[in-house]
Amino acid sequence: MPSLIGKQALVVGVGIGGLTAARVVADYVERVVVLDRDALPERALPRAGVPQDKHVHSLLAGGQRALCDLFPGFEHDLAQTGAVPLRAGLDMRSERPGYDPFPQRDLGWDAYAQSRPQLELNVRQRVCAYANIEVRQRCRVQACVARADGAAVTGVRCRLADGKSTTLDADLVIDASGRGTLTLGLLTSLGWALPEETTIGVDLAYATAVFAIPATAPDDWKGVFCFAQVPKTGVTGRPLSSTI
């Protein structure tokens, strides 16, 4: 049994990163509270805090192994909620420029196809099953609170669903909001230098659409990746620095 390092930890953000962070730190503190500004759906539905929720996502092998390590039997959860097992290298057909199609081969493991909201819901349900983890929805964290000497973060200031503001104390605060605003705001309030920022422009966009499977589709694969030939210049005419 790991030794405890504190009484309470706060995790800001109820996405995959925040939920898995809460699961890990729950072994080392008496209580973990996960805070999020969204109203969390009880079903696998997109939510405002994840603007790319409706797009197609892939659960890669490393992420799948990590989730199974944190939540034993997680693959069973996926199957029970309708995720489609895919034999990596065999059940997915890849069409790439120069290959028609890309050679199929068994990579030795099963992936699972499901929506991004369904994956998050499965993880959230697992996390909520822990007695020392609480998920609070509609709780907008406004700022991290630091000790007077700036040597430690002692909690967060947040606005509750009823509009009232309060301060929550913690021995550990994890910013998993995905935006970095809280951390940058903390550094600014302490008078510390902000890290250097590099902005990389990408002249590509993507969209997701739903298609009906034609009756004449082959039955020896369950999905297909179509990789188009990427142009050498973007929409602005500048050369692209990478290819897909």
C-alpha atoms as a PDB file:
ATOM      1  CA  MET A   1       0.000   0.000   0.000  1.00  0.00           C
ATOM      2  CA  PRO A   2       1.533   3.367  -1.033  1.00  0.00           C
ATOM      3  CA  SER A   3       2.152   5.834   1.781  1.00  0.00           C
ATOM      4  CA  LEU A   4      -0.083   8.925   1.792  1.00  0.00           C
ATOM      5  CA  ILE A   5       1.452  12.277   0.890  1.00  0.00           C
ATOM      6  CA  GLY A   6      -1.502  14.490   1.779  1.00  0.00           C
ATOM      7  CA  LYS A   7      -5.149  14.780   2.703  1.00  0.00           C
ATOM      8  CA  GLN A   8      -6.691  16.301  -0.418  1.00  0.00           C
ATOM      9  CA  ALA A   9      -5.756  16.710  -4.073  1.00  0.00           C
ATOM     10  CA  LEU A  10      -7.664  18.801  -6.597  1.00  0.00           C
ATOM     11  CA  VAL A  11      -7.725  17.964 -10.308  1.00  0.00           C
ATOM     12  CA  VAL A  12      -8.964  20.641 -12.702  1.00  0.00           C
ATOM     13  CA  GLY A  13     -10.519  19.068 -15.787  1.00  0.00           C
ATOM     14  CA  VAL A  14     -12.649  15.966 -16.238  1.00  0.00           C
ATOM     15  CA  GLY A  15     -11.263  14.895 -19.609  1.00  0.00           C
ATOM     16  CA  ILE A  16      -9.199  11.757 -20.134  1.00  0.00           C
ATOM     17  CA  GLY A  17      -6.081  13.450 -18.712  1.00  0.00           C
ATOM     18  CA  GLY A  18      -7.794  14.717 -15.578  1.00  0.00           C
ATOM     19  CA  LEU A  19      -9.628  11.473 -14.894  1.00  0.00           C
ATOM     20  CA  THR A  20      -6.548   9.290 -15.237  1.00  0.00           C
ATOM     21  CA  ALA A  21      -4.516  11.731 -13.121  1.00  0.00           C
ATOM     22  CA  ALA A  22      -7.183  11.477 -10.416  1.00  0.00           C
ATOM     23  CA  ARG A  23      -6.986   7.680 -10.517  1.00  0.00           C
ATOM     24  CA  VAL A  24      -3.199   7.720 -10.083  1.00  0.00           C
ATOM     25  CA  VAL A  25      -3.080  10.276  -7.263  1.00  0.00           C
ATOM     26  CA  ALA A  26      -5.957   8.573  -5.412  1.00  0.00           C
ATOM     27  CA  ASP A  27      -3.453   5.995  -4.153  1.00  0.00           C
ATOM     28  CA  TYR A  28      -1.445   8.703  -2.394  1.00  0.00           C
ATOM     29  CA  VAL A  29      -3.979  11.070  -0.805  1.00  0.00           C
ATOM     30  CA  GLU A  30      -7.008  10.596   1.382  1.00  0.00           C
ATOM     31  CA  ARG A  31      -9.359  12.396  -1.001  1.00  0.00           C
ATOM     32  CA  VAL A  32      -9.364  13.548  -4.641  1.00  0.00           C
ATOM     33  CA  VAL A  33     -11.827  16.101  -5.999  1.00  0.00           C
ATOM     34  CA  VAL A  34     -12.118  16.527  -9.780  1.00  0.00           C
ATOM     35  CA  LEU A  35     -13.565  19.886 -10.842  1.00  0.00           C
ATOM     36  CA  ASP A  36     -15.054  20.771 -14.214  1.00  0.00           C
ATOM     37  CA  ARG A  37     -17.124  23.652 -15.567  1.00  0.00           C
ATOM     38  CA  ASP A  38     -19.299  21.418 -17.771  1.00  0.00           C
ATOM     39  CA  ALA A  39     -22.545  19.718 -16.886  1.00  0.00           C
ATOM     40  CA  LEU A  40     -21.539  16.108 -17.440  1.00  0.00           C
ATOM     41  CA  PRO A  41     -23.903  13.958 -19.519  1.00  0.00           C
ATOM     42  CA  GLU A  42     -24.995  10.626 -18.092  1.00  0.00           C
ATOM     43  CA  ARG A  43     -24.849   9.093 -21.559  1.00  0.00           C
ATOM     44  CA  ALA A  44     -22.136   9.075 -24.206  1.00  0.00           C
ATOM     45  CA  LEU A  45     -22.845  12.524 -25.639  1.00  0.00           C
ATOM     46  CA  PRO A  46     -20.487  15.318 -26.728  1.00  0.00           C
ATOM     47  CA  ARG A  47     -19.938  18.134 -24.210  1.00  0.00           C
ATOM     48  CA  ALA A  48     -19.001  21.766 -24.610  1.00  0.00           C
ATOM     49  CA  GLY A  49     -15.599  21.445 -22.936  1.00  0.00           C
ATOM     50  CA  VAL A  50     -14.337  19.114 -25.665  1.00  0.00           C
ATOM     51  CA  PRO A  51     -14.943  20.991 -28.934  1.00  0.00           C
ATOM     52  CA  GLN A  52     -13.473  18.151 -31.035  1.00  0.00           C
ATOM     53  CA  ASP A  53     -15.708  15.562 -29.337  1.00  0.00           C
ATOM     54  CA  LYS A  54     -17.745  14.781 -32.450  1.00  0.00           C
ATOM     55  CA  HIS A  55     -14.735  14.034 -34.639  1.00  0.00           C
ATOM     56  CA  VAL A  56     -13.408  10.540 -35.192  1.00  0.00           C
ATOM     57  CA  HIS A  57     -10.805   9.500 -32.601  1.00  0.00           C
ATOM     58  CA  SER A  58      -8.518   6.489 -32.347  1.00  0.00           C
ATOM     59  CA  LEU A  59      -7.516   4.785 -29.104  1.00  0.00           C
ATOM     60  CA  LEU A  60      -3.888   3.899 -29.776  1.00  0.00           C
ATOM     61  CA  ALA A  61      -2.179   0.813 -28.347  1.00  0.00           C
ATOM     62  CA  GLY A  62      -0.201   2.751 -25.723  1.00  0.00           C
ATOM     63  CA  GLY A  63      -3.274   4.532 -24.416  1.00  0.00           C
ATOM     64  CA  GLN A  64      -5.257   1.303 -24.351  1.00  0.00           C
ATOM     65  CA  ARG A  65      -2.541  -0.458 -22.348  1.00  0.00           C
ATOM     66  CA  ALA A  66      -2.310   2.466 -19.928  1.00  0.00           C
ATOM     67  CA  LEU A  67      -6.068   2.445 -19.317  1.00  0.00           C
ATOM     68  CA  CYS A  68      -6.039  -1.317 -18.760  1.00  0.00           C
ATOM     69  CA  ASP A  69      -3.197  -0.923 -16.250  1.00  0.00           C
ATOM     70  CA  LEU A  70      -5.133   1.748 -14.336  1.00  0.00           C
ATOM     71  CA  PHE A  71      -8.480  -0.030 -14.605  1.00  0.00           C
ATOM     72  CA  PRO A  72      -8.095  -3.827 -14.793  1.00  0.00           C
ATOM     73  CA  GLY A  73     -10.673  -5.323 -17.151  1.00  0.00           C
ATOM     74  CA  PHE A  74     -11.154  -2.036 -19.019  1.00  0.00           C
ATOM     75  CA  GLU A  75     -11.204  -3.827 -22.381  1.00  0.00           C
ATOM     76  CA  HIS A  76     -14.227  -5.758 -21.121  1.00  0.00           C
ATOM     77  CA  ASP A  77     -15.892  -2.424 -20.288  1.00  0.00           C
ATOM     78  CA  LEU A  78     -15.334  -1.273 -23.859  1.00  0.00           C
ATOM     79  CA  ALA A  79     -16.839  -4.421 -25.331  1.00  0.00           C
ATOM     80  CA  GLN A  80     -19.834  -4.269 -22.970  1.00  0.00           C
ATOM     81  CA  THR A  81     -20.655  -0.718 -24.068  1.00  0.00           C
ATOM     82  CA  GLY A  82     -20.623  -1.572 -27.762  1.00  0.00           C
ATOM     83  CA  ALA A  83     -17.034  -0.886 -28.804  1.00  0.00           C
ATOM     84  CA  VAL A  84     -16.115  -2.856 -31.915  1.00  0.00           C
ATOM     85  CA  PRO A  85     -12.955  -4.980 -31.610  1.00  0.00           C
ATOM     86  CA  LEU A  86     -10.504  -4.499 -34.474  1.00  0.00           C
ATOM     87  CA  ARG A  87      -7.581  -6.827 -35.097  1.00  0.00           C
ATOM     88  CA  ALA A  88      -4.754  -4.383 -35.680  1.00  0.00           C
ATOM     89  CA  GLY A  89      -3.366  -4.684 -39.184  1.00  0.00           C
ATOM     90  CA  LEU A  90      -6.116  -6.978 -40.420  1.00  0.00           C
ATOM     91  CA  ASP A  91      -9.546  -5.458 -39.753  1.00  0.00           C
ATOM     92  CA  MET A  92      -8.607  -1.948 -40.885  1.00  0.00           C
ATOM     93  CA  ARG A  93      -7.868  -1.345 -44.548  1.00  0.00           C
ATOM     94  CA  SER A  94      -5.361   1.443 -45.246  1.00  0.00           C
ATOM     95  CA  GLU A  95      -5.332   3.215 -48.585  1.00  0.00           C
ATOM     96  CA  ARG A  96      -2.230   5.368 -48.999  1.00  0.00           C
ATOM     97  CA  PRO A  97      -0.693   7.095 -52.006  1.00  0.00           C
ATOM     98  CA  GLY A  98       1.507   4.515 -53.731  1.00  0.00           C
ATOM     99  CA  TYR A  99      -0.222   1.533 -52.084  1.00  0.00           C
ATOM    100  CA  ASP A 100      -3.460   0.062 -53.388  1.00  0.00           C
ATOM    101  CA  PRO A 101      -4.158  -1.111 -50.785  1.00  0.00           C
ATOM    102  CA  PHE A 102      -1.540  -1.065 -48.004  1.00  0.00           C
ATOM    103  CA  PRO A 103      -0.539  -4.695 -47.204  1.00  0.00           C
ATOM    104  CA  GLN A 104      -2.589  -6.322 -44.456  1.00  0.00           C
ATOM    105  CA  ARG A 105      -0.787  -8.158 -41.652  1.00  0.00           C
ATOM    106  CA  ASP A 106      -1.640  -9.290 -38.118  1.00  0.00           C
ATOM    107  CA  LEU A 107       0.039  -6.987 -35.578  1.00  0.00           C
ATOM    108  CA  GLY A 108      -0.931  -9.231 -32.679  1.00  0.00           C
ATOM    109  CA  TRP A 109      -3.390  -7.152 -30.658  1.00  0.00           C
ATOM    110  CA  ASP A 110      -6.991  -5.967 -30.674  1.00  0.00           C
ATOM    111  CA  ALA A 111      -7.965  -2.310 -30.802  1.00  0.00           C
ATOM    112  CA  TYR A 112     -11.455  -1.042 -30.009  1.00  0.00           C
ATOM    113  CA  ALA A 113     -13.512   1.398 -32.049  1.00  0.00           C
ATOM    114  CA  GLN A 114     -15.873   3.662 -30.149  1.00  0.00           C
ATOM    115  CA  SER A 115     -16.742   7.329 -29.965  1.00  0.00           C
ATOM    116  CA  ARG A 116     -14.687   9.797 -27.944  1.00  0.00           C
ATOM    117  CA  PRO A 117     -17.648  10.514 -25.601  1.00  0.00           C
ATOM    118  CA  GLN A 118     -18.121   6.781 -24.960  1.00  0.00           C
ATOM    119  CA  LEU A 119     -14.469   6.320 -24.053  1.00  0.00           C
ATOM    120  CA  GLU A 120     -14.559   9.268 -21.645  1.00  0.00           C
ATOM    121  CA  LEU A 121     -17.792   8.028 -20.073  1.00  0.00           C
ATOM    122  CA  ASN A 122     -16.267   4.588 -19.465  1.00  0.00           C
ATOM    123  CA  VAL A 123     -13.229   6.157 -17.800  1.00  0.00           C
ATOM    124  CA  ARG A 124     -15.362   8.525 -15.723  1.00  0.00           C
ATOM    125  CA  GLN A 125     -17.549   5.683 -14.475  1.00  0.00           C
ATOM    126  CA  ARG A 126     -14.472   3.730 -13.420  1.00  0.00           C
ATOM    127  CA  VAL A 127     -13.040   6.766 -11.611  1.00  0.00           C
ATOM    128  CA  CYS A 128     -16.322   7.513  -9.829  1.00  0.00           C
ATOM    129  CA  ALA A 129     -16.347   3.963  -8.469  1.00  0.00           C
ATOM    130  CA  TYR A 130     -13.415   4.847  -6.174  1.00  0.00           C
ATOM    131  CA  ALA A 131     -14.631   5.794  -2.707  1.00  0.00           C
ATOM    132  CA  ASN A 132     -12.035   8.556  -2.254  1.00  0.00           C
ATOM    133  CA  ILE A 133     -12.646  10.301  -5.617  1.00  0.00           C
ATOM    134  CA  GLU A 134     -15.399  12.867  -6.120  1.00  0.00           C
ATOM    135  CA  VAL A 135     -16.277  14.487  -9.454  1.00  0.00           C
ATOM    136  CA  ARG A 136     -17.907  17.912  -9.189  1.00  0.00           C
ATOM    137  CA  GLN A 137     -19.558  19.255 -12.316  1.00  0.00           C
ATOM    138  CA  ARG A 138     -20.538  22.848 -13.126  1.00  0.00           C
ATOM    139  CA  CYS A 139     -17.678  24.110 -10.975  1.00  0.00           C
ATOM    140  CA  ARG A 140     -15.553  26.644 -12.849  1.00  0.00           C
ATOM    141  CA  VAL A 141     -12.047  27.056 -11.438  1.00  0.00           C
ATOM    142  CA  GLN A 142     -11.054  30.718 -11.672  1.00  0.00           C
ATOM    143  CA  ALA A 143      -7.505  30.721 -10.256  1.00  0.00           C
ATOM    144  CA  CYS A 144      -4.931  28.759  -8.331  1.00  0.00           C
ATOM    145  CA  VAL A 145      -4.246  30.025  -4.804  1.00  0.00           C
ATOM    146  CA  ALA A 146      -0.624  30.207  -3.661  1.00  0.00           C
ATOM    147  CA  ARG A 147       1.008  30.575  -0.272  1.00  0.00           C
ATOM    148  CA  ALA A 148       2.009  34.133   0.685  1.00  0.00           C
ATOM    149  CA  ASP A 149       5.674  33.446  -0.055  1.00  0.00           C
ATOM    150  CA  GLY A 150       4.807  31.824  -3.394  1.00  0.00           C
ATOM    151  CA  ALA A 151       6.545  28.608  -2.437  1.00  0.00           C
ATOM    152  CA  ALA A 152       3.511  26.337  -2.818  1.00  0.00           C
ATOM    153  CA  VAL A 153       0.013  26.155  -4.275  1.00  0.00           C
ATOM    154  CA  THR A 154      -2.544  25.705  -1.514  1.00  0.00           C
ATOM    155  CA  GLY A 155      -5.797  25.351  -3.439  1.00  0.00           C
ATOM    156  CA  VAL A 156      -8.065  26.920  -6.047  1.00  0.00           C
ATOM    157  CA  ARG A 157     -10.711  29.607  -6.181  1.00  0.00           C
ATOM    158  CA  CYS A 158     -13.821  28.509  -8.045  1.00  0.00           C
ATOM    159  CA  ARG A 159     -17.395  29.470  -8.860  1.00  0.00           C
ATOM    160  CA  LEU A 160     -20.053  26.902  -8.045  1.00  0.00           C
ATOM    161  CA  ALA A 161     -23.187  26.032  -9.985  1.00  0.00           C
ATOM    162  CA  ASP A 162     -25.253  28.453  -7.865  1.00  0.00           C
ATOM    163  CA  GLY A 163     -22.949  31.334  -8.799  1.00  0.00           C
ATOM    164  CA  LYS A 164     -21.236  31.568  -5.436  1.00  0.00           C
ATOM    165  CA  SER A 165     -17.432  31.676  -5.213  1.00  0.00           C
ATOM    166  CA  THR A 166     -15.425  29.606  -2.784  1.00  0.00           C
ATOM    167  CA  THR A 167     -11.854  28.521  -2.119  1.00  0.00           C
ATOM    168  CA  LEU A 168     -10.949  24.848  -1.861  1.00  0.00           C
ATOM    169  CA  ASP A 169      -7.789  23.861  -0.007  1.00  0.00           C
ATOM    170  CA  ALA A 170      -5.467  21.130  -1.239  1.00  0.00           C
ATOM    171  CA  ASP A 171      -2.062  19.601  -0.692  1.00  0.00           C
ATOM    172  CA  LEU A 172      -1.739  19.071  -4.438  1.00  0.00           C
ATOM    173  CA  VAL A 173      -3.362  20.786  -7.433  1.00  0.00           C
ATOM    174  CA  ILE A 174      -3.211  19.257 -10.923  1.00  0.00           C
ATOM    175  CA  ASP A 175      -4.104  21.505 -13.859  1.00  0.00           C
ATOM    176  CA  ALA A 176      -5.549  19.150 -16.473  1.00  0.00           C
ATOM    177  CA  SER A 177      -7.836  21.766 -18.024  1.00  0.00           C
ATOM    178  CA  GLY A 178      -6.053  21.431 -21.351  1.00  0.00           C
ATOM    179  CA  ARG A 179      -5.611  25.156 -21.780  1.00  0.00           C
ATOM    180  CA  GLY A 180      -2.815  26.126 -19.405  1.00  0.00           C
ATOM    181  CA  THR A 181      -4.607  29.357 -18.469  1.00  0.00           C
ATOM    182  CA  LEU A 182      -4.625  28.587 -14.746  1.00  0.00           C
ATOM    183  CA  THR A 183      -0.932  27.777 -14.629  1.00  0.00           C
ATOM    184  CA  LEU A 184       0.033  30.869 -16.627  1.00  0.00           C
ATOM    185  CA  GLY A 185      -2.219  32.999 -14.433  1.00  0.00           C
ATOM    186  CA  LEU A 186      -0.524  31.629 -11.329  1.00  0.00           C
ATOM    187  CA  LEU A 187       2.943  32.434 -12.654  1.00  0.00           C
ATOM    188  CA  THR A 188       1.816  35.963 -13.517  1.00  0.00           C
ATOM    189  CA  SER A 189       0.303  36.529 -10.062  1.00  0.00           C
ATOM    190  CA  LEU A 190       3.573  35.431  -8.453  1.00  0.00           C
ATOM    191  CA  GLY A 191       5.598  37.723 -10.668  1.00  0.00           C
ATOM    192  CA  TRP A 192       7.474  34.835 -12.252  1.00  0.00           C
ATOM    193  CA  ALA A 193       8.655  34.842 -15.835  1.00  0.00           C
ATOM    194  CA  LEU A 194       6.375  33.006 -18.243  1.00  0.00           C
ATOM    195  CA  PRO A 195       7.851  30.188 -20.342  1.00  0.00           C
ATOM    196  CA  GLU A 196       8.789  30.979 -23.904  1.00  0.00           C
ATOM    197  CA  GLU A 197       5.975  30.341 -26.338  1.00  0.00           C
ATOM    198  CA  THR A 198       6.321  29.040 -29.870  1.00  0.00           C
ATOM    199  CA  THR A 199       3.389  29.216 -32.259  1.00  0.00           C
ATOM    200  CA  ILE A 200       3.318  26.805 -35.181  1.00  0.00           C
ATOM    201  CA  GLY A 201       0.894  27.550 -37.982  1.00  0.00           C
ATOM    202  CA  VAL A 202      -0.735  24.548 -39.646  1.00  0.00           C
ATOM    203  CA  ASP A 203      -2.576  25.191 -42.886  1.00  0.00           C
ATOM    204  CA  LEU A 204      -4.663  22.060 -42.620  1.00  0.00           C
ATOM    205  CA  ALA A 205      -8.127  21.409 -41.256  1.00  0.00           C
ATOM    206  CA  TYR A 206     -10.197  18.281 -40.896  1.00  0.00           C
ATOM    207  CA  ALA A 207     -13.854  17.329 -40.803  1.00  0.00           C
ATOM    208  CA  THR A 208     -15.838  14.267 -39.775  1.00  0.00           C
ATOM    209  CA  ALA A 209     -18.873  12.891 -41.581  1.00  0.00           C
ATOM    210  CA  VAL A 210     -21.061   9.822 -41.105  1.00  0.00           C
ATOM    211  CA  PHE A 211     -21.567   7.508 -44.079  1.00  0.00           C
ATOM    212  CA  ALA A 212     -23.880   4.558 -44.617  1.00  0.00           C
ATOM    213  CA  ILE A 213     -22.042   1.306 -45.345  1.00  0.00           C
ATOM    214  CA  PRO A 214     -23.042   0.149 -48.829  1.00  0.00           C
ATOM    215  CA  ALA A 215     -24.530  -3.298 -49.181  1.00  0.00           C
ATOM    216  CA  THR A 216     -21.743  -4.236 -51.619  1.00  0.00           C
ATOM    217  CA  ALA A 217     -18.936  -3.446 -49.133  1.00  0.00           C
ATOM    218  CA  PRO A 218     -16.446  -6.321 -48.620  1.00  0.00           C
ATOM    219  CA  ASP A 219     -16.795  -8.224 -45.346  1.00  0.00           C
ATOM    220  CA  ASP A 220     -13.087  -8.970 -44.798  1.00  0.00           C
ATOM    221  CA  TRP A 221     -12.458  -5.636 -43.033  1.00  0.00           C
ATOM    222  CA  LYS A 222     -14.358  -3.425 -40.575  1.00  0.00           C
ATOM    223  CA  GLY A 223     -12.982   0.002 -41.376  1.00  0.00           C
ATOM    224  CA  VAL A 224     -10.876   1.942 -43.822  1.00  0.00           C
ATOM    225  CA  PHE A 225      -8.310   4.728 -43.635  1.00  0.00           C
ATOM    226  CA  CYS A 226      -8.061   6.834 -46.794  1.00  0.00           C
ATOM    227  CA  PHE A 227      -4.959   9.006 -46.884  1.00  0.00           C
ATOM    228  CA  ALA A 228      -5.083  11.589 -49.645  1.00  0.00           C
ATOM    229  CA  GLN A 229      -2.018  13.001 -51.368  1.00  0.00           C
ATOM    230  CA  VAL A 230      -1.130  16.090 -49.327  1.00  0.00           C
ATOM    231  CA  PRO A 231      -0.358  19.156 -51.463  1.00  0.00           C
ATOM    232  CA  LYS A 232       3.106  20.660 -51.223  1.00  0.00           C
ATOM    233  CA  THR A 233       1.704  24.072 -50.311  1.00  0.00           C
ATOM    234  CA  GLY A 234      -1.068  25.085 -47.945  1.00  0.00           C
ATOM    235  CA  VAL A 235      -4.060  27.277 -48.585  1.00  0.00           C
ATOM    236  CA  THR A 236      -1.914  30.370 -48.040  1.00  0.00           C
ATOM    237  CA  GLY A 237       0.633  29.249 -50.607  1.00  0.00           C
ATOM    238  CA  ARG A 238       3.347  28.650 -47.992  1.00  0.00           C
ATOM    239  CA  PRO A 239       5.251  25.319 -48.121  1.00  0.00           C
ATOM    240  CA  LEU A 240       4.026  22.728 -45.661  1.00  0.00           C
ATOM    241  CA  SER A 241       6.623  21.595 -43.134  1.00  0.00           C
ATOM    242  CA  SER A 242       5.240  18.100 -42.690  1.00  0.00           C
ATOM    243  CA  THR A 243       3.116  15.490 -44.399  1.00  0.00           C
ATOM    244  CA  ILE A 244       0.373  13.215 -43.168  1.00  0.00           C
END
